[in-house]
Amino acid sequence: MPAEKITRMANQIARFMESKPHDEGVSLTASHINDFWEPRMRRHLFAILDAGGEGLRPLVIDAAPNIRRPEPVA
């Protein structure tokens, strides 16, 4: 999946959660990604985060420690 699409999808979630208090928004963003994104999508998200997180909203970056990092593909 292209990085632009993963970034756009993560940012859509964050934009919605930004209406919540910050800590709740962080938790809900991470929960949504953990619950609904398959490992391959989360792997792409972590590739973006590991490269500096360019284009990601701050709430996605703040939620990253709470998002389950999938195992690398062997």
N, C-alpha and C. Protein backbone atom coordinates (compact mmCIF):
# COMPACT_ATOMS: atom_id res chain seq x y z
N MET A 1 0.85 -1.17 0.00
CA MET A 1 0.00 0.00 0.00
C MET A 1 0.90 1.24 0.00
N PRO A 2 0.59 2.21 -0.84
CA PRO A 2 1.44 3.41 -0.91
C PRO A 2 1.47 4.18 0.42
N ALA A 3 2.61 4.77 0.71
CA ALA A 3 2.78 5.53 1.94
C ALA A 3 1.76 6.67 2.04
N GLU A 4 1.44 7.27 0.90
CA GLU A 4 0.48 8.38 0.91
C GLU A 4 -0.88 7.92 1.41
N LYS A 5 -1.28 6.72 1.02
CA LYS A 5 -2.59 6.21 1.44
C LYS A 5 -2.59 5.88 2.94
N ILE A 6 -1.54 5.26 3.43
CA ILE A 6 -1.43 4.95 4.86
C ILE A 6 -1.43 6.25 5.66
N THR A 7 -0.66 7.23 5.21
CA THR A 7 -0.61 8.52 5.88
C THR A 7 -1.99 9.17 5.91
N ARG A 8 -2.67 9.17 4.78
CA ARG A 8 -3.99 9.78 4.70
C ARG A 8 -4.97 9.08 5.64
N MET A 9 -4.95 7.75 5.66
CA MET A 9 -5.87 7.00 6.51
C MET A 9 -5.58 7.25 7.99
N ALA A 10 -4.31 7.23 8.38
CA ALA A 10 -3.95 7.48 9.78
C ALA A 10 -4.34 8.90 10.18
N ASN A 11 -4.11 9.85 9.29
CA ASN A 11 -4.46 11.23 9.59
C ASN A 11 -5.97 11.45 9.69
N GLN A 12 -6.75 10.71 8.92
CA GLN A 12 -8.21 10.81 9.03
C GLN A 12 -8.67 10.37 10.43
N ILE A 13 -8.09 9.29 10.92
CA ILE A 13 -8.43 8.81 12.26
C ILE A 13 -8.03 9.87 13.28
N ALA A 14 -6.81 10.37 13.17
CA ALA A 14 -6.31 11.37 14.12
C ALA A 14 -7.16 12.63 14.08
N ARG A 15 -7.52 13.08 12.90
CA ARG A 15 -8.31 14.31 12.78
C ARG A 15 -9.63 14.17 13.54
N PHE A 16 -10.26 13.01 13.43
CA PHE A 16 -11.51 12.77 14.16
C PHE A 16 -11.25 12.75 15.67
N MET A 17 -10.17 12.11 16.10
CA MET A 17 -9.88 11.95 17.52
C MET A 17 -9.37 13.25 18.16
N GLU A 18 -8.95 14.21 17.35
CA GLU A 18 -8.47 15.48 17.88
C GLU A 18 -9.57 16.28 18.58
N SER A 19 -10.83 15.87 18.39
CA SER A 19 -11.93 16.54 19.09
C SER A 19 -12.00 16.11 20.56
N LYS A 20 -11.26 15.09 20.92
CA LYS A 20 -11.22 14.56 22.28
C LYS A 20 -10.06 15.21 23.05
N PRO A 21 -10.08 15.12 24.40
CA PRO A 21 -8.88 15.53 25.15
C PRO A 21 -7.67 14.74 24.63
N HIS A 22 -6.50 15.35 24.68
CA HIS A 22 -5.32 14.78 24.03
C HIS A 22 -5.06 13.32 24.42
N ASP A 23 -5.01 13.03 25.70
CA ASP A 23 -4.70 11.66 26.14
C ASP A 23 -5.73 10.66 25.63
N GLU A 24 -6.99 11.06 25.63
CA GLU A 24 -8.05 10.18 25.12
C GLU A 24 -7.90 10.00 23.62
N GLY A 25 -7.57 11.07 22.91
CA GLY A 25 -7.36 10.99 21.47
C GLY A 25 -6.21 10.07 21.11
N VAL A 26 -5.13 10.13 21.88
CA VAL A 26 -3.98 9.24 21.66
C VAL A 26 -4.42 7.79 21.84
N SER A 27 -5.10 7.53 22.93
CA SER A 27 -5.55 6.16 23.23
C SER A 27 -6.52 5.64 22.17
N LEU A 28 -7.47 6.46 21.78
CA LEU A 28 -8.46 6.03 20.79
C LEU A 28 -7.85 5.84 19.41
N THR A 29 -6.89 6.68 19.05
CA THR A 29 -6.21 6.53 17.75
C THR A 29 -5.47 5.20 17.72
N ALA A 30 -4.71 4.92 18.77
CA ALA A 30 -3.97 3.65 18.83
C ALA A 30 -4.94 2.47 18.85
N SER A 31 -6.00 2.56 19.62
CA SER A 31 -6.98 1.46 19.69
C SER A 31 -7.62 1.19 18.35
N HIS A 32 -7.98 2.26 17.64
CA HIS A 32 -8.61 2.07 16.32
C HIS A 32 -7.65 1.38 15.36
N ILE A 33 -6.42 1.83 15.31
CA ILE A 33 -5.45 1.22 14.40
C ILE A 33 -5.18 -0.23 14.82
N ASN A 34 -5.04 -0.50 16.10
CA ASN A 34 -4.81 -1.87 16.57
C ASN A 34 -6.00 -2.79 16.24
N ASP A 35 -7.20 -2.28 16.38
CA ASP A 35 -8.40 -3.10 16.19
C ASP A 35 -8.76 -3.33 14.73
N PHE A 36 -8.47 -2.35 13.87
CA PHE A 36 -9.00 -2.43 12.51
C PHE A 36 -7.95 -2.52 11.40
N TRP A 37 -6.70 -2.28 11.71
CA TRP A 37 -5.67 -2.36 10.67
C TRP A 37 -4.98 -3.71 10.74
N GLU A 38 -4.85 -4.35 9.61
CA GLU A 38 -4.14 -5.63 9.56
C GLU A 38 -2.64 -5.37 9.75
N PRO A 39 -1.90 -6.41 10.11
CA PRO A 39 -0.45 -6.23 10.36
C PRO A 39 0.30 -5.57 9.19
N ARG A 40 -0.06 -5.91 7.98
CA ARG A 40 0.63 -5.32 6.82
C ARG A 40 0.47 -3.80 6.81
N MET A 41 -0.72 -3.30 7.14
CA MET A 41 -0.95 -1.85 7.17
C MET A 41 -0.15 -1.20 8.30
N ARG A 42 -0.14 -1.86 9.46
CA ARG A 42 0.63 -1.32 10.59
C ARG A 42 2.12 -1.35 10.28
N ARG A 43 2.58 -2.36 9.56
CA ARG A 43 3.98 -2.43 9.16
C ARG A 43 4.34 -1.22 8.28
N HIS A 44 3.45 -0.88 7.34
CA HIS A 44 3.67 0.29 6.49
C HIS A 44 3.69 1.57 7.34
N LEU A 45 2.77 1.66 8.30
CA LEU A 45 2.73 2.84 9.16
C LEU A 45 4.03 2.98 9.93
N PHE A 46 4.54 1.88 10.48
CA PHE A 46 5.80 1.95 11.23
C PHE A 46 6.98 2.27 10.32
N ALA A 47 6.93 1.89 9.07
CA ALA A 47 8.00 2.28 8.14
C ALA A 47 8.02 3.80 7.99
N ILE A 48 6.83 4.40 7.94
CA ILE A 48 6.74 5.87 7.84
C ILE A 48 7.23 6.50 9.13
N LEU A 49 6.77 5.96 10.26
CA LEU A 49 7.19 6.50 11.55
C LEU A 49 8.70 6.37 11.74
N ASP A 50 9.25 5.22 11.40
CA ASP A 50 10.69 4.99 11.57
C ASP A 50 11.53 5.90 10.67
N ALA A 51 10.94 6.36 9.57
CA ALA A 51 11.64 7.27 8.66
C ALA A 51 11.45 8.74 9.06
N GLY A 52 10.81 8.97 10.21
CA GLY A 52 10.65 10.35 10.68
C GLY A 52 9.21 10.81 10.79
N GLY A 53 8.27 10.04 10.25
CA GLY A 53 6.85 10.37 10.39
C GLY A 53 6.38 11.52 9.53
N GLU A 54 7.10 11.79 8.46
CA GLU A 54 6.73 12.93 7.61
C GLU A 54 5.29 12.82 7.13
N GLY A 55 4.54 13.90 7.31
CA GLY A 55 3.17 13.98 6.85
C GLY A 55 2.13 13.48 7.85
N LEU A 56 2.58 12.83 8.92
CA LEU A 56 1.63 12.33 9.90
C LEU A 56 1.27 13.42 10.90
N ARG A 57 0.01 13.45 11.28
CA ARG A 57 -0.45 14.40 12.29
C ARG A 57 0.20 14.05 13.63
N PRO A 58 0.43 15.05 14.48
CA PRO A 58 1.06 14.80 15.78
C PRO A 58 0.36 13.73 16.62
N LEU A 59 -0.95 13.64 16.52
CA LEU A 59 -1.67 12.64 17.32
C LEU A 59 -1.29 11.22 16.90
N VAL A 60 -1.04 10.99 15.63
CA VAL A 60 -0.60 9.67 15.18
C VAL A 60 0.77 9.37 15.75
N ILE A 61 1.65 10.33 15.73
CA ILE A 61 3.01 10.14 16.26
C ILE A 61 2.95 9.89 17.76
N ASP A 62 2.10 10.63 18.46
CA ASP A 62 1.96 10.42 19.91
C ASP A 62 1.35 9.06 20.23
N ALA A 63 0.50 8.55 19.35
CA ALA A 63 -0.15 7.25 19.56
C ALA A 63 0.77 6.08 19.23
N ALA A 64 1.82 6.31 18.47
CA ALA A 64 2.68 5.23 17.97
C ALA A 64 3.18 4.26 19.05
N PRO A 65 3.60 4.74 20.23
CA PRO A 65 4.07 3.78 21.23
C PRO A 65 3.00 2.80 21.70
N ASN A 66 1.73 3.14 21.49
CA ASN A 66 0.63 2.29 21.91
C ASN A 66 0.08 1.42 20.77
N ILE A 67 0.64 1.56 19.59
CA ILE A 67 0.21 0.75 18.44
C ILE A 67 1.09 -0.51 18.41
N ARG A 68 0.45 -1.64 18.23
CA ARG A 68 1.19 -2.91 18.18
C ARG A 68 2.04 -2.96 16.90
N ARG A 69 3.34 -3.12 17.09
CA ARG A 69 4.25 -3.25 15.95
C ARG A 69 4.26 -4.69 15.50
N PRO A 70 3.89 -4.95 14.24
CA PRO A 70 3.89 -6.34 13.74
C PRO A 70 5.31 -6.89 13.60
N GLU A 71 5.40 -8.18 13.62
CA GLU A 71 6.68 -8.85 13.38
C GLU A 71 7.14 -8.54 11.96
N PRO A 72 8.45 -8.41 11.75
CA PRO A 72 8.95 -8.20 10.39
C PRO A 72 8.64 -9.41 9.51
N VAL A 73 8.51 -9.14 8.24
CA VAL A 73 8.28 -10.22 7.28
C VAL A 73 9.60 -10.95 7.07
N ALA A 74 9.54 -12.27 7.15
CA ALA A 74 10.76 -13.06 7.03
C ALA A 74 11.12 -13.29 5.58
